[in-house]
């Protein structure tokens, strides 16, 4: 369903119905014709490409994002304003500035969905810390699997990603969630991944599998529920109080997008 659109939106999209965030209004700090990312994940719904980067820059001025937020149709139902879009949002050098600016004009909670590749850098961790919720991902269990599944830009190593996640988790005052995307290439290694995930100590672990159009077949509901059960069993250990949620156990809210074209550009087909 789509709301009437008196204004043209270039950098925000949705709201979409998110199994994790409810009604999520997307903010694309990159807004490029091609995705701008540090990874080229095998399951990416935006397709494969070779131009990976780790250089942070200002793609879209903060003022343009703020103006579009102000132009939202009255009555737009939102649970979270979510920084995601066509690539890795932390590549936007002004993401922290933009989060702070939105908080001055809106009381909605702000989330950032990141692939965690740049969390090893202190300035990135500081920028992300302004969000109420940070959802960071980890899809690998070793350097070899990291290169096979996420295909990172030159200079990014799995141990540094894990180190950045641990450092962020210790310092962040808001909620910190770790998303794990299970695919055929890593599903047999869920026990190793669980050990790494708990060592990171997030507030929440999200068990996921790719369901948007992409070349990789998603895991079955039975597979995901089996993996979820294992993570929950580990969670019974003393001092572990991490919330475990999974894709196939979620209940989605209805959401009305402000622009079909903008939403499909970032997310694929909209249901």
C-alpha atoms as a PDB file:
ATOM      1  CA  UNK A   1       0.000   0.000   0.000  1.00  0.00           C
ATOM      2  CA  UNK A   2       1.283   3.493  -0.825  1.00  0.00           C
ATOM      3  CA  UNK A   3       0.412   6.902   0.583  1.00  0.00           C
ATOM      4  CA  UNK A   4      -0.405   9.886  -1.628  1.00  0.00           C
ATOM      5  CA  UNK A   5       2.853  11.637  -2.507  1.00  0.00           C
ATOM      6  CA  UNK A   6       2.670  15.436  -2.863  1.00  0.00           C
ATOM      7  CA  UNK A   7       6.452  15.706  -2.444  1.00  0.00           C
ATOM      8  CA  UNK A   8       9.173  13.822  -4.303  1.00  0.00           C
ATOM      9  CA  UNK A   9      11.440  11.759  -2.072  1.00  0.00           C
ATOM     10  CA  UNK A  10      14.959  10.937  -3.223  1.00  0.00           C
ATOM     11  CA  UNK A  11      16.640   9.760  -0.047  1.00  0.00           C
ATOM     12  CA  UNK A  12      13.938   8.299   2.195  1.00  0.00           C
ATOM     13  CA  UNK A  13      11.691   5.337   1.406  1.00  0.00           C
ATOM     14  CA  UNK A  14       9.086   3.062   2.940  1.00  0.00           C
ATOM     15  CA  UNK A  15       7.837   2.753   5.581  1.00  0.00           C
ATOM     16  CA  UNK A  16       8.187  -0.981   5.070  1.00  0.00           C
ATOM     17  CA  UNK A  17       6.985  -3.773   7.310  1.00  0.00           C
ATOM     18  CA  UNK A  18      10.097  -5.081   9.063  1.00  0.00           C
ATOM     19  CA  UNK A  19      10.068  -8.300  11.085  1.00  0.00           C
ATOM     20  CA  UNK A  20      12.543  -6.668  13.479  1.00  0.00           C
ATOM     21  CA  UNK A  21      11.629  -2.973  13.503  1.00  0.00           C
ATOM     22  CA  UNK A  22       7.896  -2.800  12.849  1.00  0.00           C
ATOM     23  CA  UNK A  23       7.070   0.077  10.489  1.00  0.00           C
ATOM     24  CA  UNK A  24      10.492   1.183   9.300  1.00  0.00           C
ATOM     25  CA  UNK A  25      11.096   4.421   7.374  1.00  0.00           C
ATOM     26  CA  UNK A  26      14.316   3.980   5.410  1.00  0.00           C
ATOM     27  CA  UNK A  27      17.000   6.654   5.098  1.00  0.00           C
ATOM     28  CA  UNK A  28      19.500   6.171   2.270  1.00  0.00           C
ATOM     29  CA  UNK A  29      22.598   8.268   2.998  1.00  0.00           C
ATOM     30  CA  UNK A  30      24.183   6.978  -0.227  1.00  0.00           C
ATOM     31  CA  UNK A  31      21.381   7.359  -2.817  1.00  0.00           C
ATOM     32  CA  UNK A  32      23.667   6.271  -5.644  1.00  0.00           C
ATOM     33  CA  UNK A  33      22.628   4.658  -8.930  1.00  0.00           C
ATOM     34  CA  UNK A  34      24.949   1.804  -7.971  1.00  0.00           C
ATOM     35  CA  UNK A  35      25.309   0.452  -4.471  1.00  0.00           C
ATOM     36  CA  UNK A  36      28.210   1.797  -2.448  1.00  0.00           C
ATOM     37  CA  UNK A  37      29.482  -0.879  -0.129  1.00  0.00           C
ATOM     38  CA  UNK A  38      32.448  -2.437   1.613  1.00  0.00           C
ATOM     39  CA  UNK A  39      31.105  -5.919   0.841  1.00  0.00           C
ATOM     40  CA  UNK A  40      29.682  -7.751  -2.161  1.00  0.00           C
ATOM     41  CA  UNK A  41      27.629 -10.359  -0.293  1.00  0.00           C
ATOM     42  CA  UNK A  42      26.519 -13.401  -2.240  1.00  0.00           C
ATOM     43  CA  UNK A  43      22.899 -12.912  -1.136  1.00  0.00           C
ATOM     44  CA  UNK A  44      22.588  -9.145  -1.768  1.00  0.00           C
ATOM     45  CA  UNK A  45      19.236  -8.211  -3.338  1.00  0.00           C
ATOM     46  CA  UNK A  46      20.943  -5.293  -5.125  1.00  0.00           C
ATOM     47  CA  UNK A  47      23.055  -7.654  -7.220  1.00  0.00           C
ATOM     48  CA  UNK A  48      26.793  -8.240  -7.514  1.00  0.00           C
ATOM     49  CA  UNK A  49      29.353  -5.568  -8.343  1.00  0.00           C
ATOM     50  CA  UNK A  50      33.120  -5.094  -8.191  1.00  0.00           C
ATOM     51  CA  UNK A  51      33.524  -1.467  -7.027  1.00  0.00           C
ATOM     52  CA  UNK A  52      33.932  -1.975  -3.296  1.00  0.00           C
ATOM     53  CA  UNK A  53      35.299   0.815  -1.113  1.00  0.00           C
ATOM     54  CA  UNK A  54      36.247   1.580   2.480  1.00  0.00           C
ATOM     55  CA  UNK A  55      36.579   5.354   1.987  1.00  0.00           C
ATOM     56  CA  UNK A  56      34.029   7.414   3.899  1.00  0.00           C
ATOM     57  CA  UNK A  57      32.653  10.509   2.214  1.00  0.00           C
ATOM     58  CA  UNK A  58      29.600  12.780   2.282  1.00  0.00           C
ATOM     59  CA  UNK A  59      27.236  11.466  -0.406  1.00  0.00           C
ATOM     60  CA  UNK A  60      24.112  13.434   0.544  1.00  0.00           C
ATOM     61  CA  UNK A  61      24.061  16.694   2.554  1.00  0.00           C
ATOM     62  CA  UNK A  62      22.404  16.352   5.949  1.00  0.00           C
ATOM     63  CA  UNK A  63      20.070  19.253   5.104  1.00  0.00           C
ATOM     64  CA  UNK A  64      18.517  17.293   2.205  1.00  0.00           C
ATOM     65  CA  UNK A  65      17.694  14.354   4.474  1.00  0.00           C
ATOM     66  CA  UNK A  66      16.181  16.628   7.109  1.00  0.00           C
ATOM     67  CA  UNK A  67      14.002  18.422   4.550  1.00  0.00           C
ATOM     68  CA  UNK A  68      12.584  15.121   3.306  1.00  0.00           C
ATOM     69  CA  UNK A  69      11.827  14.022   6.875  1.00  0.00           C
ATOM     70  CA  UNK A  70       9.966  17.309   7.374  1.00  0.00           C
ATOM     71  CA  UNK A  71       8.021  16.694   4.134  1.00  0.00           C
ATOM     72  CA  UNK A  72       6.645  13.323   5.217  1.00  0.00           C
ATOM     73  CA  UNK A  73       2.880  13.074   4.658  1.00  0.00           C
ATOM     74  CA  UNK A  74       0.910  13.783   7.803  1.00  0.00           C
ATOM     75  CA  UNK A  75      -0.235  10.561   9.440  1.00  0.00           C
ATOM     76  CA  UNK A  76       2.675   8.409   8.220  1.00  0.00           C
ATOM     77  CA  UNK A  77       2.941   5.583  10.765  1.00  0.00           C
ATOM     78  CA  UNK A  78       6.535   4.920  11.808  1.00  0.00           C
ATOM     79  CA  UNK A  79       8.129   2.839  14.566  1.00  0.00           C
ATOM     80  CA  UNK A  80      11.746   3.406  13.521  1.00  0.00           C
ATOM     81  CA  UNK A  81      13.646   5.748  11.227  1.00  0.00           C
ATOM     82  CA  UNK A  82      16.210   3.332   9.821  1.00  0.00           C
ATOM     83  CA  UNK A  83      19.515   4.089   8.107  1.00  0.00           C
ATOM     84  CA  UNK A  84      20.080   1.405   5.472  1.00  0.00           C
ATOM     85  CA  UNK A  85      19.688   1.869   1.696  1.00  0.00           C
ATOM     86  CA  UNK A  86      21.858   0.966  -1.297  1.00  0.00           C
ATOM     87  CA  UNK A  87      25.005  -0.156   0.474  1.00  0.00           C
ATOM     88  CA  UNK A  88      26.811   0.367   3.783  1.00  0.00           C
ATOM     89  CA  UNK A  89      25.376   3.437   5.561  1.00  0.00           C
ATOM     90  CA  UNK A  90      28.523   3.967   7.669  1.00  0.00           C
ATOM     91  CA  UNK A  91      30.343   4.960   4.467  1.00  0.00           C
ATOM     92  CA  UNK A  92      28.451   8.252   4.779  1.00  0.00           C
ATOM     93  CA  UNK A  93      30.825  10.477   6.729  1.00  0.00           C
ATOM     94  CA  UNK A  94      27.932  12.616   7.982  1.00  0.00           C
ATOM     95  CA  UNK A  95      25.748   9.786   9.308  1.00  0.00           C
ATOM     96  CA  UNK A  96      26.348  10.765  12.942  1.00  0.00           C
ATOM     97  CA  UNK A  97      25.561  14.405  12.201  1.00  0.00           C
ATOM     98  CA  UNK A  98      22.364  13.372  10.391  1.00  0.00           C
ATOM     99  CA  UNK A  99      21.184  11.132  13.230  1.00  0.00           C
ATOM    100  CA  UNK A 100      21.634  14.003  15.695  1.00  0.00           C
ATOM    101  CA  UNK A 101      19.818  16.409  13.361  1.00  0.00           C
ATOM    102  CA  UNK A 102      16.830  14.060  13.013  1.00  0.00           C
ATOM    103  CA  UNK A 103      16.611  13.707  16.786  1.00  0.00           C
ATOM    104  CA  UNK A 104      16.135  17.483  17.008  1.00  0.00           C
ATOM    105  CA  UNK A 105      12.971  17.356  14.872  1.00  0.00           C
ATOM    106  CA  UNK A 106      11.554  13.889  15.591  1.00  0.00           C
ATOM    107  CA  UNK A 107      10.898  11.756  18.656  1.00  0.00           C
ATOM    108  CA  UNK A 108      10.932   8.533  16.626  1.00  0.00           C
ATOM    109  CA  UNK A 109      13.559   5.951  17.498  1.00  0.00           C
ATOM    110  CA  UNK A 110      16.492   5.712  15.116  1.00  0.00           C
ATOM    111  CA  UNK A 111      18.106   2.467  13.946  1.00  0.00           C
ATOM    112  CA  UNK A 112      21.146   1.788  11.793  1.00  0.00           C
ATOM    113  CA  UNK A 113      21.592  -1.476   9.894  1.00  0.00           C
ATOM    114  CA  UNK A 114      25.307  -1.977   9.242  1.00  0.00           C
ATOM    115  CA  UNK A 115      27.523  -4.769   7.950  1.00  0.00           C
ATOM    116  CA  UNK A 116      30.005  -3.931  10.757  1.00  0.00           C
ATOM    117  CA  UNK A 117      32.962  -3.706   8.357  1.00  0.00           C
ATOM    118  CA  UNK A 118      33.954  -0.216   9.539  1.00  0.00           C
ATOM    119  CA  UNK A 119      33.319  -0.668  13.256  1.00  0.00           C
ATOM    120  CA  UNK A 120      37.025  -1.159  13.848  1.00  0.00           C
ATOM    121  CA  UNK A 121      37.357   2.611  13.444  1.00  0.00           C
ATOM    122  CA  UNK A 122      36.694   4.776  16.495  1.00  0.00           C
ATOM    123  CA  UNK A 123      35.025   7.573  14.503  1.00  0.00           C
ATOM    124  CA  UNK A 124      32.542   5.111  12.990  1.00  0.00           C
ATOM    125  CA  UNK A 125      31.686   3.657  16.393  1.00  0.00           C
ATOM    126  CA  UNK A 126      31.088   7.175  17.692  1.00  0.00           C
ATOM    127  CA  UNK A 127      28.795   8.054  14.764  1.00  0.00           C
ATOM    128  CA  UNK A 128      26.755   4.874  15.205  1.00  0.00           C
ATOM    129  CA  UNK A 129      26.480   5.417  18.960  1.00  0.00           C
ATOM    130  CA  UNK A 130      23.986   8.251  18.408  1.00  0.00           C
ATOM    131  CA  UNK A 131      21.377   5.707  17.196  1.00  0.00           C
ATOM    132  CA  UNK A 132      18.872   4.131  19.591  1.00  0.00           C
ATOM    133  CA  UNK A 133      19.400   0.735  17.974  1.00  0.00           C
ATOM    134  CA  UNK A 134      22.304  -0.569  15.927  1.00  0.00           C
ATOM    135  CA  UNK A 135      21.795  -3.822  14.016  1.00  0.00           C
ATOM    136  CA  UNK A 136      25.178  -5.153  12.897  1.00  0.00           C
ATOM    137  CA  UNK A 137      25.701  -8.334  10.939  1.00  0.00           C
ATOM    138  CA  UNK A 138      28.054 -11.280  11.100  1.00  0.00           C
ATOM    139  CA  UNK A 139      27.659 -14.051   8.521  1.00  0.00           C
ATOM    140  CA  UNK A 140      30.986 -15.875   8.838  1.00  0.00           C
ATOM    141  CA  UNK A 141      32.881 -18.143  11.222  1.00  0.00           C
ATOM    142  CA  UNK A 142      36.400 -17.812   9.757  1.00  0.00           C
ATOM    143  CA  UNK A 143      38.450 -15.656   7.404  1.00  0.00           C
ATOM    144  CA  UNK A 144      37.859 -18.128   4.567  1.00  0.00           C
ATOM    145  CA  UNK A 145      34.075 -18.162   5.018  1.00  0.00           C
ATOM    146  CA  UNK A 146      34.091 -14.360   5.371  1.00  0.00           C
ATOM    147  CA  UNK A 147      35.724 -13.984   1.957  1.00  0.00           C
ATOM    148  CA  UNK A 148      33.386 -16.545   0.419  1.00  0.00           C
ATOM    149  CA  UNK A 149      30.111 -15.139   1.762  1.00  0.00           C
ATOM    150  CA  UNK A 150      30.731 -11.395   2.197  1.00  0.00           C
ATOM    151  CA  UNK A 151      33.500 -10.810  -0.380  1.00  0.00           C
ATOM    152  CA  UNK A 152      34.946  -7.774   1.440  1.00  0.00           C
ATOM    153  CA  UNK A 153      36.930  -4.868   0.044  1.00  0.00           C
ATOM    154  CA  UNK A 154      40.699  -5.105   0.223  1.00  0.00           C
ATOM    155  CA  UNK A 155      42.036  -4.556   3.727  1.00  0.00           C
ATOM    156  CA  UNK A 156      39.001  -5.817   5.659  1.00  0.00           C
ATOM    157  CA  UNK A 157      39.670  -8.904   7.772  1.00  0.00           C
ATOM    158  CA  UNK A 158      37.201 -11.023   9.723  1.00  0.00           C
ATOM    159  CA  UNK A 159      39.111 -10.706  13.011  1.00  0.00           C
ATOM    160  CA  UNK A 160      38.944  -6.911  12.725  1.00  0.00           C
ATOM    161  CA  UNK A 161      35.182  -7.023  12.118  1.00  0.00           C
ATOM    162  CA  UNK A 162      34.689  -9.158  15.235  1.00  0.00           C
ATOM    163  CA  UNK A 163      36.999  -6.867  17.202  1.00  0.00           C
ATOM    164  CA  UNK A 164      35.015  -3.822  16.107  1.00  0.00           C
ATOM    165  CA  UNK A 165      31.747  -5.482  17.112  1.00  0.00           C
ATOM    166  CA  UNK A 166      33.098  -6.272  20.572  1.00  0.00           C
ATOM    167  CA  UNK A 167      34.411  -2.736  21.055  1.00  0.00           C
ATOM    168  CA  UNK A 168      31.105  -1.192  19.988  1.00  0.00           C
ATOM    169  CA  UNK A 169      29.047  -3.507  22.180  1.00  0.00           C
ATOM    170  CA  UNK A 170      31.030  -2.588  25.278  1.00  0.00           C
ATOM    171  CA  UNK A 171      30.606   1.157  24.774  1.00  0.00           C
ATOM    172  CA  UNK A 172      27.125   1.565  23.233  1.00  0.00           C
ATOM    173  CA  UNK A 173      24.476   2.911  25.617  1.00  0.00           C
ATOM    174  CA  UNK A 174      21.519   2.022  23.383  1.00  0.00           C
ATOM    175  CA  UNK A 175      20.370  -1.360  22.074  1.00  0.00           C
ATOM    176  CA  UNK A 176      22.845  -3.439  20.098  1.00  0.00           C
ATOM    177  CA  UNK A 177      21.647  -6.335  17.938  1.00  0.00           C
ATOM    178  CA  UNK A 178      23.703  -8.843  15.986  1.00  0.00           C
ATOM    179  CA  UNK A 179      22.102 -10.207  12.818  1.00  0.00           C
ATOM    180  CA  UNK A 180      23.324 -13.513  11.414  1.00  0.00           C
ATOM    181  CA  UNK A 181      22.274 -14.324   7.859  1.00  0.00           C
ATOM    182  CA  UNK A 182      22.227 -18.092   7.464  1.00  0.00           C
ATOM    183  CA  UNK A 183      22.762 -19.451   3.964  1.00  0.00           C
ATOM    184  CA  UNK A 184      23.728 -22.902   2.626  1.00  0.00           C
ATOM    185  CA  UNK A 185      27.400 -21.872   2.805  1.00  0.00           C
ATOM    186  CA  UNK A 186      27.404 -21.410   6.601  1.00  0.00           C
ATOM    187  CA  UNK A 187      24.457 -23.385   7.966  1.00  0.00           C
ATOM    188  CA  UNK A 188      26.568 -26.358   9.102  1.00  0.00           C
ATOM    189  CA  UNK A 189      28.723 -24.050  11.195  1.00  0.00           C
ATOM    190  CA  UNK A 190      26.024 -22.481  13.361  1.00  0.00           C
ATOM    191  CA  UNK A 191      27.670 -23.769  16.549  1.00  0.00           C
ATOM    192  CA  UNK A 192      30.945 -21.955  15.836  1.00  0.00           C
ATOM    193  CA  UNK A 193      28.968 -18.853  14.893  1.00  0.00           C
ATOM    194  CA  UNK A 194      27.004 -19.017  18.128  1.00  0.00           C
ATOM    195  CA  UNK A 195      30.209 -19.040  20.168  1.00  0.00           C
ATOM    196  CA  UNK A 196      31.510 -15.974  18.320  1.00  0.00           C
ATOM    197  CA  UNK A 197      28.150 -14.214  18.634  1.00  0.00           C
ATOM    198  CA  UNK A 198      27.966 -14.666  22.391  1.00  0.00           C
ATOM    199  CA  UNK A 199      31.565 -13.494  22.790  1.00  0.00           C
ATOM    200  CA  UNK A 200      30.458 -10.210  21.177  1.00  0.00           C
ATOM    201  CA  UNK A 201      27.758  -9.872  23.872  1.00  0.00           C
ATOM    202  CA  UNK A 202      24.969  -8.099  21.966  1.00  0.00           C
ATOM    203  CA  UNK A 203      21.622  -7.324  23.582  1.00  0.00           C
ATOM    204  CA  UNK A 204      19.876  -9.288  20.849  1.00  0.00           C
ATOM    205  CA  UNK A 205      20.762 -11.923  18.253  1.00  0.00           C
ATOM    206  CA  UNK A 206      18.641 -12.048  15.095  1.00  0.00           C
ATOM    207  CA  UNK A 207      18.554 -15.338  13.197  1.00  0.00           C
ATOM    208  CA  UNK A 208      17.830 -14.579   9.547  1.00  0.00           C
ATOM    209  CA  UNK A 209      17.969 -16.053   6.045  1.00  0.00           C
ATOM    210  CA  UNK A 210      17.677 -14.140   2.723  1.00  0.00           C
ATOM    211  CA  UNK A 211      14.060 -13.997   1.524  1.00  0.00           C
ATOM    212  CA  UNK A 212      14.265 -11.073  -0.917  1.00  0.00           C
ATOM    213  CA  UNK A 213      15.058 -11.905  -4.575  1.00  0.00           C
ATOM    214  CA  UNK A 214      18.717 -12.973  -4.829  1.00  0.00           C
ATOM    215  CA  UNK A 215      20.796 -15.880  -6.225  1.00  0.00           C
ATOM    216  CA  UNK A 216      20.999 -17.754  -2.901  1.00  0.00           C
ATOM    217  CA  UNK A 217      18.320 -20.157  -1.713  1.00  0.00           C
ATOM    218  CA  UNK A 218      17.014 -19.332   1.773  1.00  0.00           C
ATOM    219  CA  UNK A 219      17.128 -21.913   4.527  1.00  0.00           C
ATOM    220  CA  UNK A 220      13.918 -23.730   5.364  1.00  0.00           C
ATOM    221  CA  UNK A 221      11.785 -22.832   8.354  1.00  0.00           C
ATOM    222  CA  UNK A 222      12.835 -26.093  10.031  1.00  0.00           C
ATOM    223  CA  UNK A 223      16.526 -25.255   9.580  1.00  0.00           C
ATOM    224  CA  UNK A 224      16.109 -21.761  11.017  1.00  0.00           C
ATOM    225  CA  UNK A 225      14.074 -22.992  13.979  1.00  0.00           C
ATOM    226  CA  UNK A 226      16.713 -25.652  14.708  1.00  0.00           C
ATOM    227  CA  UNK A 227      19.465 -23.032  14.690  1.00  0.00           C
ATOM    228  CA  UNK A 228      17.360 -20.682  16.818  1.00  0.00           C
ATOM    229  CA  UNK A 229      16.793 -23.434  19.383  1.00  0.00           C
ATOM    230  CA  UNK A 230      20.550 -24.022  19.650  1.00  0.00           C
ATOM    231  CA  UNK A 231      21.236 -20.339  20.244  1.00  0.00           C
ATOM    232  CA  UNK A 232      18.542 -20.245  22.930  1.00  0.00           C
ATOM    233  CA  UNK A 233      19.980 -23.313  24.640  1.00  0.00           C
ATOM    234  CA  UNK A 234      23.342 -21.553  24.924  1.00  0.00           C
ATOM    235  CA  UNK A 235      21.560 -18.509  26.291  1.00  0.00           C
ATOM    236  CA  UNK A 236      20.639 -20.454  29.442  1.00  0.00           C
ATOM    237  CA  UNK A 237      24.242 -20.344  30.608  1.00  0.00           C
ATOM    238  CA  UNK A 238      24.966 -18.059  33.599  1.00  0.00           C
ATOM    239  CA  UNK A 239      25.551 -14.377  32.748  1.00  0.00           C
ATOM    240  CA  UNK A 240      24.037 -14.716  29.254  1.00  0.00           C
ATOM    241  CA  UNK A 241      20.839 -12.693  28.911  1.00  0.00           C
ATOM    242  CA  UNK A 242      20.757 -12.071  25.182  1.00  0.00           C
ATOM    243  CA  UNK A 243      17.356 -11.955  23.482  1.00  0.00           C
ATOM    244  CA  UNK A 244      17.067 -14.366  20.532  1.00  0.00           C
ATOM    245  CA  UNK A 245      14.615 -13.663  17.699  1.00  0.00           C
ATOM    246  CA  UNK A 246      14.208 -15.290  14.300  1.00  0.00           C
ATOM    247  CA  UNK A 247      12.631 -14.497  10.956  1.00  0.00           C
ATOM    248  CA  UNK A 248      10.055 -17.290  10.974  1.00  0.00           C
ATOM    249  CA  UNK A 249       8.729 -16.464  14.438  1.00  0.00           C
ATOM    250  CA  UNK A 250       8.045 -12.807  13.730  1.00  0.00           C
ATOM    251  CA  UNK A 251       4.727 -11.000  13.283  1.00  0.00           C
ATOM    252  CA  UNK A 252       4.794  -8.125  10.802  1.00  0.00           C
ATOM    253  CA  UNK A 253       2.816  -4.888  11.051  1.00  0.00           C
ATOM    254  CA  UNK A 254       1.016  -3.385   8.074  1.00  0.00           C
ATOM    255  CA  UNK A 255       2.903  -0.460   6.543  1.00  0.00           C
ATOM    256  CA  UNK A 256       2.092   2.112   3.841  1.00  0.00           C
ATOM    257  CA  UNK A 257       5.036   3.317   1.746  1.00  0.00           C
ATOM    258  CA  UNK A 258       5.367   6.946   0.632  1.00  0.00           C
ATOM    259  CA  UNK A 259       6.946   5.971  -2.707  1.00  0.00           C
ATOM    260  CA  UNK A 260       6.816   2.648  -4.529  1.00  0.00           C
ATOM    261  CA  UNK A 261       9.718   3.501  -6.851  1.00  0.00           C
ATOM    262  CA  UNK A 262      12.069   4.633  -4.068  1.00  0.00           C
ATOM    263  CA  UNK A 263      11.264   1.597  -1.945  1.00  0.00           C
ATOM    264  CA  UNK A 264      11.741  -0.968  -4.713  1.00  0.00           C
ATOM    265  CA  UNK A 265      15.068   0.674  -5.636  1.00  0.00           C
ATOM    266  CA  UNK A 266      16.465  -0.133  -2.191  1.00  0.00           C
ATOM    267  CA  UNK A 267      14.531  -3.232  -1.168  1.00  0.00           C
ATOM    268  CA  UNK A 268      13.347  -5.066  -4.266  1.00  0.00           C
ATOM    269  CA  UNK A 269       9.683  -6.047  -4.694  1.00  0.00           C
ATOM    270  CA  UNK A 270       7.362  -4.531  -2.094  1.00  0.00           C
ATOM    271  CA  UNK A 271       4.616  -6.624  -0.583  1.00  0.00           C
END
